[in-house]
Amino acid sequence: MIAAWVGAVAVLVLFTVVAVLLRGSETGVYFRLADQVALVVLGLLIAGGVLLLARPRVRADAEGIEVRNILTTQRLSWQVVRRVAFPDGASWARLDLPDDEYLPVLAIQAVDGYRAVEGIARLRALHSAARTS
């Protein structure tokens, strides 16, 4: 999350600096105020896209699990979830659902190392407890 904020601020600063310096440079092209504003707006849009990477989250309790990925949020009961999986070589965890479907869980990623292992273990414990009761 911190990396996404730092990246978004860096992108916005970079686009703003380029927009300011663009008008004063001798490139042979005439840049106007509208071009500068457009460049800053483009920086804002890209920074917003970078911030979307900080959005994934998982909330789980005894009744079910809520998975918020980049654009969507889904709440599922544990009875619908067949398995909490982290396949070999996968970048993130997933919930196996009926009919060979699955829901990616972007909040638990392989690069998180030990934290990912702890997260999967807690989700599996909640899933197991809900399925046996």
N, C-alpha and C. Protein backbone atom coordinates (compact mmCIF):
# COMPACT_ATOMS: atom_id res chain seq x y z
N MET A 1 0.82 -1.17 0.00
CA MET A 1 0.00 0.00 0.00
C MET A 1 0.88 1.26 0.00
N ILE A 2 1.93 1.23 0.79
CA ILE A 2 2.84 2.37 0.85
C ILE A 2 3.51 2.56 -0.50
N ALA A 3 3.91 1.45 -1.11
CA ALA A 3 4.57 1.53 -2.42
C ALA A 3 3.64 2.14 -3.47
N ALA A 4 2.36 1.82 -3.41
CA ALA A 4 1.41 2.39 -4.37
C ALA A 4 1.28 3.90 -4.16
N TRP A 5 1.22 4.35 -2.93
CA TRP A 5 1.13 5.78 -2.66
C TRP A 5 2.40 6.51 -3.11
N VAL A 6 3.54 5.92 -2.82
CA VAL A 6 4.81 6.53 -3.24
C VAL A 6 4.87 6.59 -4.77
N GLY A 7 4.48 5.51 -5.42
CA GLY A 7 4.47 5.48 -6.88
C GLY A 7 3.52 6.51 -7.49
N ALA A 8 2.35 6.64 -6.89
CA ALA A 8 1.36 7.60 -7.40
C ALA A 8 1.86 9.04 -7.24
N VAL A 9 2.45 9.34 -6.11
CA VAL A 9 2.99 10.69 -5.89
C VAL A 9 4.14 10.95 -6.85
N ALA A 10 5.01 9.96 -7.05
CA ALA A 10 6.15 10.12 -7.97
C ALA A 10 5.67 10.38 -9.39
N VAL A 11 4.66 9.64 -9.84
CA VAL A 11 4.12 9.84 -11.19
C VAL A 11 3.54 11.25 -11.32
N LEU A 12 2.77 11.67 -10.33
CA LEU A 12 2.17 13.00 -10.39
C LEU A 12 3.22 14.11 -10.39
N VAL A 13 4.24 13.96 -9.55
CA VAL A 13 5.32 14.96 -9.51
C VAL A 13 6.06 14.99 -10.85
N LEU A 14 6.35 13.82 -11.39
CA LEU A 14 7.06 13.74 -12.67
C LEU A 14 6.27 14.44 -13.79
N PHE A 15 5.00 14.14 -13.89
CA PHE A 15 4.18 14.75 -14.94
C PHE A 15 4.04 16.26 -14.73
N THR A 16 3.95 16.69 -13.48
CA THR A 16 3.84 18.13 -13.21
C THR A 16 5.14 18.86 -13.56
N VAL A 17 6.27 18.27 -13.20
CA VAL A 17 7.56 18.88 -13.53
C VAL A 17 7.75 18.96 -15.04
N VAL A 18 7.42 17.89 -15.74
CA VAL A 18 7.54 17.90 -17.20
C VAL A 18 6.61 18.95 -17.80
N ALA A 19 5.41 19.07 -17.26
CA ALA A 19 4.47 20.07 -17.78
C ALA A 19 5.00 21.49 -17.59
N VAL A 20 5.62 21.75 -16.45
CA VAL A 20 6.15 23.08 -16.18
C VAL A 20 7.36 23.37 -17.08
N LEU A 21 8.25 22.39 -17.21
CA LEU A 21 9.47 22.60 -18.00
C LEU A 21 9.23 22.58 -19.50
N LEU A 22 8.13 21.98 -19.93
CA LEU A 22 7.85 21.82 -21.35
C LEU A 22 7.70 23.15 -22.07
N ARG A 23 7.07 24.07 -21.44
CA ARG A 23 6.77 25.34 -22.10
C ARG A 23 8.02 26.20 -22.29
N GLY A 24 8.97 26.04 -21.39
CA GLY A 24 10.16 26.88 -21.47
C GLY A 24 11.28 26.30 -22.29
N SER A 25 11.17 25.04 -22.73
CA SER A 25 12.27 24.42 -23.47
C SER A 25 12.18 24.75 -24.96
N GLU A 26 13.32 24.79 -25.58
CA GLU A 26 13.41 25.10 -27.01
C GLU A 26 13.40 23.80 -27.82
N THR A 27 12.24 23.28 -28.12
CA THR A 27 12.13 22.04 -28.88
C THR A 27 11.67 22.27 -30.31
N GLY A 28 11.27 23.46 -30.61
CA GLY A 28 10.75 23.76 -31.93
C GLY A 28 9.25 23.60 -32.01
N VAL A 29 8.64 23.11 -30.94
CA VAL A 29 7.19 22.93 -30.88
C VAL A 29 6.66 23.91 -29.84
N TYR A 30 5.52 24.50 -30.13
CA TYR A 30 4.93 25.46 -29.20
C TYR A 30 3.93 24.75 -28.29
N PHE A 31 4.25 24.70 -27.01
CA PHE A 31 3.35 24.11 -26.02
C PHE A 31 2.59 25.24 -25.35
N ARG A 32 1.31 25.05 -25.25
CA ARG A 32 0.45 26.08 -24.65
C ARG A 32 0.02 25.64 -23.26
N LEU A 33 -0.68 26.51 -22.60
CA LEU A 33 -1.19 26.22 -21.26
C LEU A 33 -2.09 24.98 -21.27
N ALA A 34 -2.89 24.83 -22.31
CA ALA A 34 -3.78 23.66 -22.40
C ALA A 34 -2.98 22.36 -22.45
N ASP A 35 -1.83 22.38 -23.11
CA ASP A 35 -0.98 21.19 -23.15
C ASP A 35 -0.42 20.87 -21.77
N GLN A 36 -0.05 21.89 -21.04
CA GLN A 36 0.46 21.68 -19.70
C GLN A 36 -0.62 21.12 -18.77
N VAL A 37 -1.81 21.69 -18.86
CA VAL A 37 -2.92 21.20 -18.04
C VAL A 37 -3.24 19.76 -18.40
N ALA A 38 -3.24 19.45 -19.67
CA ALA A 38 -3.53 18.08 -20.11
C ALA A 38 -2.50 17.10 -19.58
N LEU A 39 -1.25 17.52 -19.53
CA LEU A 39 -0.19 16.65 -19.01
C LEU A 39 -0.38 16.39 -17.52
N VAL A 40 -0.77 17.40 -16.77
CA VAL A 40 -1.02 17.22 -15.34
C VAL A 40 -2.24 16.32 -15.13
N VAL A 41 -3.29 16.51 -15.93
CA VAL A 41 -4.48 15.66 -15.82
C VAL A 41 -4.13 14.21 -16.16
N LEU A 42 -3.30 14.02 -17.18
CA LEU A 42 -2.85 12.66 -17.52
C LEU A 42 -2.07 12.05 -16.35
N GLY A 43 -1.24 12.85 -15.70
CA GLY A 43 -0.51 12.37 -14.51
C GLY A 43 -1.46 11.98 -13.39
N LEU A 44 -2.52 12.76 -13.21
CA LEU A 44 -3.53 12.43 -12.19
C LEU A 44 -4.23 11.10 -12.51
N LEU A 45 -4.55 10.89 -13.77
CA LEU A 45 -5.22 9.64 -14.16
C LEU A 45 -4.30 8.44 -13.95
N ILE A 46 -3.05 8.57 -14.32
CA ILE A 46 -2.11 7.46 -14.14
C ILE A 46 -1.87 7.21 -12.66
N ALA A 47 -1.74 8.28 -11.87
CA ALA A 47 -1.57 8.12 -10.42
C ALA A 47 -2.78 7.42 -9.80
N GLY A 48 -3.97 7.76 -10.27
CA GLY A 48 -5.18 7.07 -9.79
C GLY A 48 -5.15 5.60 -10.13
N GLY A 49 -4.66 5.27 -11.33
CA GLY A 49 -4.52 3.86 -11.71
C GLY A 49 -3.53 3.13 -10.83
N VAL A 50 -2.45 3.79 -10.48
CA VAL A 50 -1.46 3.17 -9.58
C VAL A 50 -2.08 2.94 -8.20
N LEU A 51 -2.89 3.87 -7.74
CA LEU A 51 -3.53 3.71 -6.42
C LEU A 51 -4.53 2.56 -6.38
N LEU A 52 -5.06 2.18 -7.53
CA LEU A 52 -5.96 1.03 -7.56
C LEU A 52 -5.24 -0.25 -7.11
N LEU A 53 -3.93 -0.28 -7.25
CA LEU A 53 -3.16 -1.45 -6.83
C LEU A 53 -3.15 -1.61 -5.31
N ALA A 54 -3.47 -0.56 -4.58
CA ALA A 54 -3.51 -0.62 -3.12
C ALA A 54 -4.88 -1.03 -2.61
N ARG A 55 -5.83 -1.28 -3.47
CA ARG A 55 -7.20 -1.54 -3.09
C ARG A 55 -7.50 -2.97 -2.60
N PRO A 56 -6.83 -4.02 -3.07
CA PRO A 56 -7.20 -5.38 -2.67
C PRO A 56 -7.18 -5.58 -1.14
N ARG A 57 -8.21 -6.33 -0.67
CA ARG A 57 -8.36 -6.60 0.75
C ARG A 57 -9.19 -7.87 0.92
N VAL A 58 -8.98 -8.55 2.03
CA VAL A 58 -9.77 -9.73 2.38
C VAL A 58 -10.28 -9.55 3.80
N ARG A 59 -11.56 -9.81 3.97
CA ARG A 59 -12.17 -9.83 5.30
C ARG A 59 -12.90 -11.16 5.43
N ALA A 60 -12.60 -11.89 6.48
CA ALA A 60 -13.23 -13.19 6.67
C ALA A 60 -13.71 -13.33 8.11
N ASP A 61 -14.81 -14.04 8.27
CA ASP A 61 -15.34 -14.36 9.59
C ASP A 61 -15.94 -15.75 9.53
N ALA A 62 -16.65 -16.13 10.56
CA ALA A 62 -17.20 -17.49 10.63
C ALA A 62 -18.27 -17.74 9.56
N GLU A 63 -18.94 -16.70 9.08
CA GLU A 63 -20.01 -16.88 8.09
C GLU A 63 -19.50 -16.90 6.65
N GLY A 64 -18.45 -16.16 6.37
CA GLY A 64 -18.01 -16.10 4.98
C GLY A 64 -16.78 -15.23 4.79
N ILE A 65 -16.55 -14.89 3.55
CA ILE A 65 -15.36 -14.13 3.18
C ILE A 65 -15.74 -13.03 2.19
N GLU A 66 -15.13 -11.87 2.37
CA GLU A 66 -15.32 -10.76 1.44
C GLU A 66 -13.97 -10.49 0.79
N VAL A 67 -13.96 -10.56 -0.54
CA VAL A 67 -12.74 -10.34 -1.31
C VAL A 67 -12.92 -9.07 -2.13
N ARG A 68 -12.05 -8.11 -1.88
CA ARG A 68 -12.05 -6.88 -2.67
C ARG A 68 -10.78 -6.88 -3.50
N ASN A 69 -10.95 -6.99 -4.80
CA ASN A 69 -9.82 -6.93 -5.72
C ASN A 69 -9.73 -5.52 -6.29
N ILE A 70 -9.10 -5.33 -7.41
CA ILE A 70 -8.86 -3.99 -7.93
C ILE A 70 -10.16 -3.26 -8.27
N LEU A 71 -11.07 -3.92 -8.94
CA LEU A 71 -12.31 -3.25 -9.36
C LEU A 71 -13.58 -3.79 -8.73
N THR A 72 -13.55 -5.00 -8.20
CA THR A 72 -14.77 -5.63 -7.71
C THR A 72 -14.66 -6.06 -6.26
N THR A 73 -15.81 -6.18 -5.61
CA THR A 73 -15.90 -6.72 -4.25
C THR A 73 -16.96 -7.80 -4.26
N GLN A 74 -16.61 -8.95 -3.70
CA GLN A 74 -17.58 -10.04 -3.63
C GLN A 74 -17.59 -10.63 -2.23
N ARG A 75 -18.80 -10.90 -1.74
CA ARG A 75 -18.99 -11.55 -0.44
C ARG A 75 -19.54 -12.95 -0.71
N LEU A 76 -18.86 -13.96 -0.18
CA LEU A 76 -19.27 -15.35 -0.37
C LEU A 76 -19.40 -16.04 0.98
N SER A 77 -20.36 -16.93 1.09
CA SER A 77 -20.44 -17.75 2.30
C SER A 77 -19.42 -18.88 2.17
N TRP A 78 -18.98 -19.40 3.30
CA TRP A 78 -18.00 -20.48 3.25
C TRP A 78 -18.57 -21.74 2.61
N GLN A 79 -19.88 -21.87 2.60
CA GLN A 79 -20.49 -23.05 1.99
C GLN A 79 -20.29 -23.08 0.47
N VAL A 80 -20.11 -21.93 -0.13
CA VAL A 80 -19.89 -21.84 -1.57
C VAL A 80 -18.44 -22.12 -1.93
N VAL A 81 -17.54 -21.80 -1.02
CA VAL A 81 -16.10 -21.97 -1.28
C VAL A 81 -15.72 -23.43 -1.08
N ARG A 82 -15.20 -24.03 -2.13
CA ARG A 82 -14.77 -25.43 -2.04
C ARG A 82 -13.39 -25.57 -1.40
N ARG A 83 -12.50 -24.59 -1.70
CA ARG A 83 -11.13 -24.70 -1.22
C ARG A 83 -10.47 -23.34 -1.24
N VAL A 84 -9.62 -23.08 -0.25
CA VAL A 84 -8.75 -21.91 -0.25
C VAL A 84 -7.42 -22.40 -0.77
N ALA A 85 -7.02 -21.93 -1.94
CA ALA A 85 -5.85 -22.50 -2.62
C ALA A 85 -4.79 -21.45 -2.88
N PHE A 86 -3.56 -21.94 -2.95
CA PHE A 86 -2.43 -21.13 -3.40
C PHE A 86 -1.58 -22.06 -4.26
N PRO A 87 -1.96 -22.23 -5.54
CA PRO A 87 -1.28 -23.20 -6.41
C PRO A 87 0.20 -22.87 -6.57
N ASP A 88 1.01 -23.91 -6.78
CA ASP A 88 2.44 -23.74 -7.01
C ASP A 88 2.67 -22.82 -8.20
N GLY A 89 3.54 -21.86 -8.02
CA GLY A 89 3.87 -20.94 -9.10
C GLY A 89 2.89 -19.80 -9.29
N ALA A 90 1.82 -19.78 -8.51
CA ALA A 90 0.83 -18.71 -8.64
C ALA A 90 1.34 -17.44 -7.97
N SER A 91 0.89 -16.31 -8.46
CA SER A 91 1.29 -15.03 -7.88
C SER A 91 0.43 -14.64 -6.69
N TRP A 92 -0.80 -15.15 -6.65
CA TRP A 92 -1.70 -14.83 -5.55
C TRP A 92 -2.61 -16.01 -5.26
N ALA A 93 -3.27 -15.93 -4.09
CA ALA A 93 -4.17 -16.98 -3.65
C ALA A 93 -5.47 -16.94 -4.46
N ARG A 94 -6.27 -17.98 -4.28
CA ARG A 94 -7.57 -17.99 -4.94
C ARG A 94 -8.54 -18.85 -4.14
N LEU A 95 -9.81 -18.59 -4.38
CA LEU A 95 -10.88 -19.39 -3.78
C LEU A 95 -11.46 -20.26 -4.88
N ASP A 96 -11.40 -21.57 -4.70
CA ASP A 96 -12.01 -22.47 -5.67
C ASP A 96 -13.50 -22.56 -5.41
N LEU A 97 -14.28 -22.37 -6.45
CA LEU A 97 -15.74 -22.33 -6.36
C LEU A 97 -16.32 -23.50 -7.16
N PRO A 98 -17.63 -23.73 -7.05
CA PRO A 98 -18.25 -24.80 -7.84
C PRO A 98 -18.11 -24.56 -9.35
N ASP A 99 -18.28 -25.61 -10.12
CA ASP A 99 -18.24 -25.57 -11.58
C ASP A 99 -16.89 -25.11 -12.13
N ASP A 100 -15.81 -25.50 -11.47
CA ASP A 100 -14.45 -25.18 -11.92
C ASP A 100 -14.19 -23.69 -12.04
N GLU A 101 -14.87 -22.88 -11.29
CA GLU A 101 -14.62 -21.45 -11.27
C GLU A 101 -13.76 -21.13 -10.05
N TYR A 102 -13.12 -19.97 -10.10
CA TYR A 102 -12.35 -19.52 -8.95
C TYR A 102 -12.36 -18.00 -8.87
N LEU A 103 -12.07 -17.50 -7.68
CA LEU A 103 -12.01 -16.07 -7.42
C LEU A 103 -10.60 -15.74 -6.96
N PRO A 104 -9.86 -14.93 -7.71
CA PRO A 104 -8.52 -14.56 -7.26
C PRO A 104 -8.58 -13.69 -6.01
N VAL A 105 -7.63 -13.88 -5.13
CA VAL A 105 -7.52 -13.11 -3.90
C VAL A 105 -6.21 -12.32 -3.99
N LEU A 106 -6.28 -11.14 -4.59
CA LEU A 106 -5.07 -10.36 -4.85
C LEU A 106 -4.44 -9.80 -3.58
N ALA A 107 -5.15 -9.82 -2.47
CA ALA A 107 -4.60 -9.30 -1.22
C ALA A 107 -3.55 -10.22 -0.62
N ILE A 108 -3.54 -11.48 -1.03
CA ILE A 108 -2.55 -12.43 -0.53
C ILE A 108 -1.67 -12.84 -1.70
N GLN A 109 -0.47 -12.27 -1.75
CA GLN A 109 0.42 -12.48 -2.88
C GLN A 109 1.68 -13.22 -2.46
N ALA A 110 2.27 -13.95 -3.40
CA ALA A 110 3.46 -14.75 -3.13
C ALA A 110 4.63 -13.89 -2.66
N VAL A 111 4.74 -12.68 -3.16
CA VAL A 111 5.85 -11.81 -2.77
C VAL A 111 5.78 -11.38 -1.31
N ASP A 112 4.64 -11.61 -0.65
CA ASP A 112 4.50 -11.26 0.76
C ASP A 112 5.15 -12.29 1.67
N GLY A 113 5.58 -13.41 1.12
CA GLY A 113 6.33 -14.42 1.87
C GLY A 113 5.57 -14.97 3.07
N TYR A 114 6.17 -14.79 4.24
CA TYR A 114 5.61 -15.37 5.46
C TYR A 114 4.23 -14.81 5.78
N ARG A 115 3.99 -13.55 5.47
CA ARG A 115 2.66 -12.97 5.72
C ARG A 115 1.60 -13.67 4.87
N ALA A 116 1.95 -14.05 3.65
CA ALA A 116 1.01 -14.78 2.79
C ALA A 116 0.72 -16.16 3.38
N VAL A 117 1.73 -16.81 3.91
CA VAL A 117 1.54 -18.13 4.52
C VAL A 117 0.61 -18.01 5.73
N GLU A 118 0.83 -17.00 6.56
CA GLU A 118 -0.05 -16.79 7.72
C GLU A 118 -1.48 -16.49 7.29
N GLY A 119 -1.64 -15.66 6.26
CA GLY A 119 -2.98 -15.32 5.77
C GLY A 119 -3.72 -16.53 5.24
N ILE A 120 -3.05 -17.35 4.46
CA ILE A 120 -3.67 -18.57 3.93
C ILE A 120 -4.04 -19.51 5.06
N ALA A 121 -3.15 -19.66 6.03
CA ALA A 121 -3.44 -20.55 7.16
C ALA A 121 -4.68 -20.10 7.93
N ARG A 122 -4.81 -18.79 8.17
CA ARG A 122 -6.00 -18.28 8.87
C ARG A 122 -7.27 -18.49 8.06
N LEU A 123 -7.20 -18.22 6.75
CA LEU A 123 -8.38 -18.43 5.90
C LEU A 123 -8.77 -19.90 5.86
N ARG A 124 -7.78 -20.77 5.74
CA ARG A 124 -8.08 -22.22 5.72
C ARG A 124 -8.70 -22.68 7.04
N ALA A 125 -8.23 -22.13 8.16
CA ALA A 125 -8.80 -22.49 9.46
C ALA A 125 -10.26 -22.04 9.55
N LEU A 126 -10.55 -20.83 9.12
CA LEU A 126 -11.93 -20.35 9.12
C LEU A 126 -12.81 -21.18 8.19
N HIS A 127 -12.29 -21.50 7.02
CA HIS A 127 -13.03 -22.31 6.05
C HIS A 127 -13.32 -23.69 6.63
N SER A 128 -12.32 -24.31 7.22
CA SER A 128 -12.49 -25.64 7.79
C SER A 128 -13.50 -25.63 8.94
N ALA A 129 -13.40 -24.64 9.80
CA ALA A 129 -14.34 -24.55 10.93
C ALA A 129 -15.77 -24.34 10.44
N ALA A 130 -15.95 -23.54 9.42
CA ALA A 130 -17.30 -23.29 8.91
C ALA A 130 -17.88 -24.50 8.20
N ARG A 131 -17.04 -25.25 7.52
CA ARG A 131 -17.52 -26.41 6.78
C ARG A 131 -17.85 -27.59 7.70
N THR A 132 -17.18 -27.70 8.86
CA THR A 132 -17.45 -28.81 9.77
C THR A 132 -18.62 -28.53 10.69
N SER A 133 -19.01 -27.26 10.84
CA SER A 133 -20.12 -26.96 11.75
C SER A 133 -21.46 -27.06 11.08
